[in-house]
């Protein structure tokens, strides 16, 4: 085998390991990828459900705070009616 053949074969092997040269993306391929990306985000976006759940949690928390405040108010009123202070509870 001649030197030129060996050099050609080694260059062909080296070229196989290289990534292909950068080719600019066409408009059609870009639009296709953007649609696929949008579809993926649409599937992953359960934002409406999460926002609804957050509103429900906030409403439940507000209700709990109101019930807590009412209970504290009732306890304070009972303590005053019976002439009790915080020190009497210890």
C-alpha atoms as a PDB file:
ATOM      1  CA  UNK A   1       0.000   0.000   0.000  1.00  0.00           C
ATOM      2  CA  UNK A   2       1.396   3.343  -0.968  1.00  0.00           C
ATOM      3  CA  UNK A   3       1.888   6.265   1.391  1.00  0.00           C
ATOM      4  CA  UNK A   4      -0.898   8.244  -0.336  1.00  0.00           C
ATOM      5  CA  UNK A   5      -3.384   5.387   0.208  1.00  0.00           C
ATOM      6  CA  UNK A   6      -2.481   5.160   3.912  1.00  0.00           C
ATOM      7  CA  UNK A   7      -2.872   8.913   4.313  1.00  0.00           C
ATOM      8  CA  UNK A   8      -6.268   8.854   2.552  1.00  0.00           C
ATOM      9  CA  UNK A   9      -7.505   5.987   4.734  1.00  0.00           C
ATOM     10  CA  UNK A  10      -6.370   7.674   7.939  1.00  0.00           C
ATOM     11  CA  UNK A  11      -8.077  10.920   6.847  1.00  0.00           C
ATOM     12  CA  UNK A  12     -11.313   9.018   6.117  1.00  0.00           C
ATOM     13  CA  UNK A  13     -11.217   7.445   9.595  1.00  0.00           C
ATOM     14  CA  UNK A  14     -10.600  10.839  11.184  1.00  0.00           C
ATOM     15  CA  UNK A  15     -13.465  12.397   9.204  1.00  0.00           C
ATOM     16  CA  UNK A  16     -15.870   9.732  10.484  1.00  0.00           C
ATOM     17  CA  UNK A  17     -15.259  10.879  14.068  1.00  0.00           C
ATOM     18  CA  UNK A  18     -15.908  14.545  13.310  1.00  0.00           C
ATOM     19  CA  UNK A  19     -19.345  16.060  13.596  1.00  0.00           C
ATOM     20  CA  UNK A  20     -20.820  17.202  10.296  1.00  0.00           C
ATOM     21  CA  UNK A  21     -20.232  20.843   9.423  1.00  0.00           C
ATOM     22  CA  UNK A  22     -22.829  23.289  10.751  1.00  0.00           C
ATOM     23  CA  UNK A  23     -25.678  23.712   8.338  1.00  0.00           C
ATOM     24  CA  UNK A  24     -28.060  26.620   8.982  1.00  0.00           C
ATOM     25  CA  UNK A  25     -31.567  25.561   9.937  1.00  0.00           C
ATOM     26  CA  UNK A  26     -34.298  26.375   7.459  1.00  0.00           C
ATOM     27  CA  UNK A  27     -37.452  28.286   8.378  1.00  0.00           C
ATOM     28  CA  UNK A  28     -39.637  25.221   7.996  1.00  0.00           C
ATOM     29  CA  UNK A  29     -37.480  23.128  10.365  1.00  0.00           C
ATOM     30  CA  UNK A  30     -37.321  26.019  12.838  1.00  0.00           C
ATOM     31  CA  UNK A  31     -41.124  26.350  12.846  1.00  0.00           C
ATOM     32  CA  UNK A  32     -41.477  22.592  13.266  1.00  0.00           C
ATOM     33  CA  UNK A  33     -39.139  22.587  16.267  1.00  0.00           C
ATOM     34  CA  UNK A  34     -40.898  25.591  17.803  1.00  0.00           C
ATOM     35  CA  UNK A  35     -44.287  23.855  17.465  1.00  0.00           C
ATOM     36  CA  UNK A  36     -42.881  20.729  19.100  1.00  0.00           C
ATOM     37  CA  UNK A  37     -41.400  22.833  21.885  1.00  0.00           C
ATOM     38  CA  UNK A  38     -44.702  24.654  22.387  1.00  0.00           C
ATOM     39  CA  UNK A  39     -46.557  21.339  22.540  1.00  0.00           C
ATOM     40  CA  UNK A  40     -44.101  20.024  25.117  1.00  0.00           C
ATOM     41  CA  UNK A  41     -44.561  23.116  27.283  1.00  0.00           C
ATOM     42  CA  UNK A  42     -48.340  22.915  26.900  1.00  0.00           C
ATOM     43  CA  UNK A  43     -48.306  19.341  28.182  1.00  0.00           C
ATOM     44  CA  UNK A  44     -45.989  20.225  31.041  1.00  0.00           C
ATOM     45  CA  UNK A  45     -47.905  23.392  31.970  1.00  0.00           C
ATOM     46  CA  UNK A  46     -50.480  22.446  34.533  1.00  0.00           C
ATOM     47  CA  UNK A  47     -50.389  26.005  35.787  1.00  0.00           C
ATOM     48  CA  UNK A  48     -54.166  26.420  35.799  1.00  0.00           C
ATOM     49  CA  UNK A  49     -54.572  23.449  38.151  1.00  0.00           C
ATOM     50  CA  UNK A  50     -51.769  24.640  40.389  1.00  0.00           C
ATOM     51  CA  UNK A  51     -53.225  28.146  40.557  1.00  0.00           C
ATOM     52  CA  UNK A  52     -56.661  26.712  41.417  1.00  0.00           C
ATOM     53  CA  UNK A  53     -55.131  24.522  44.131  1.00  0.00           C
ATOM     54  CA  UNK A  54     -53.230  27.514  45.520  1.00  0.00           C
ATOM     55  CA  UNK A  55     -56.444  29.566  45.653  1.00  0.00           C
ATOM     56  CA  UNK A  56     -58.199  26.712  47.474  1.00  0.00           C
ATOM     57  CA  UNK A  57     -55.329  26.436  49.969  1.00  0.00           C
ATOM     58  CA  UNK A  58     -55.395  30.201  50.518  1.00  0.00           C
ATOM     59  CA  UNK A  59     -59.161  30.111  51.124  1.00  0.00           C
ATOM     60  CA  UNK A  60     -58.799  27.196  53.563  1.00  0.00           C
ATOM     61  CA  UNK A  61     -55.979  28.990  55.359  1.00  0.00           C
ATOM     62  CA  UNK A  62     -58.028  32.195  55.615  1.00  0.00           C
ATOM     63  CA  UNK A  63     -60.953  30.186  57.019  1.00  0.00           C
ATOM     64  CA  UNK A  64     -58.652  28.482  59.530  1.00  0.00           C
ATOM     65  CA  UNK A  65     -57.250  31.864  60.611  1.00  0.00           C
ATOM     66  CA  UNK A  66     -60.780  33.241  61.083  1.00  0.00           C
ATOM     67  CA  UNK A  67     -61.814  30.200  63.157  1.00  0.00           C
ATOM     68  CA  UNK A  68     -58.631  30.505  65.217  1.00  0.00           C
ATOM     69  CA  UNK A  69     -59.248  34.187  65.853  1.00  0.00           C
ATOM     70  CA  UNK A  70     -62.864  33.492  66.857  1.00  0.00           C
ATOM     71  CA  UNK A  71     -61.751  30.742  69.265  1.00  0.00           C
ATOM     72  CA  UNK A  72     -59.167  33.044  70.860  1.00  0.00           C
ATOM     73  CA  UNK A  73     -61.782  35.784  71.193  1.00  0.00           C
ATOM     74  CA  UNK A  74     -64.191  33.318  72.871  1.00  0.00           C
ATOM     75  CA  UNK A  75     -61.490  32.125  75.283  1.00  0.00           C
ATOM     76  CA  UNK A  76     -60.542  35.693  76.238  1.00  0.00           C
ATOM     77  CA  UNK A  77     -64.223  36.582  76.774  1.00  0.00           C
ATOM     78  CA  UNK A  78     -64.749  33.524  79.009  1.00  0.00           C
ATOM     79  CA  UNK A  79     -61.616  34.315  80.994  1.00  0.00           C
ATOM     80  CA  UNK A  80     -62.802  37.895  81.566  1.00  0.00           C
ATOM     81  CA  UNK A  81     -66.283  36.724  82.548  1.00  0.00           C
ATOM     82  CA  UNK A  82     -64.788  34.390  85.172  1.00  0.00           C
ATOM     83  CA  UNK A  83     -62.128  36.877  86.272  1.00  0.00           C
ATOM     84  CA  UNK A  84     -59.181  34.783  85.137  1.00  0.00           C
ATOM     85  CA  UNK A  85     -55.792  36.001  83.931  1.00  0.00           C
ATOM     86  CA  UNK A  86     -53.025  34.248  82.005  1.00  0.00           C
ATOM     87  CA  UNK A  87     -51.125  33.651  85.257  1.00  0.00           C
ATOM     88  CA  UNK A  88     -54.103  31.677  86.597  1.00  0.00           C
ATOM     89  CA  UNK A  89     -53.713  29.164  83.768  1.00  0.00           C
ATOM     90  CA  UNK A  90     -50.137  28.218  84.685  1.00  0.00           C
END
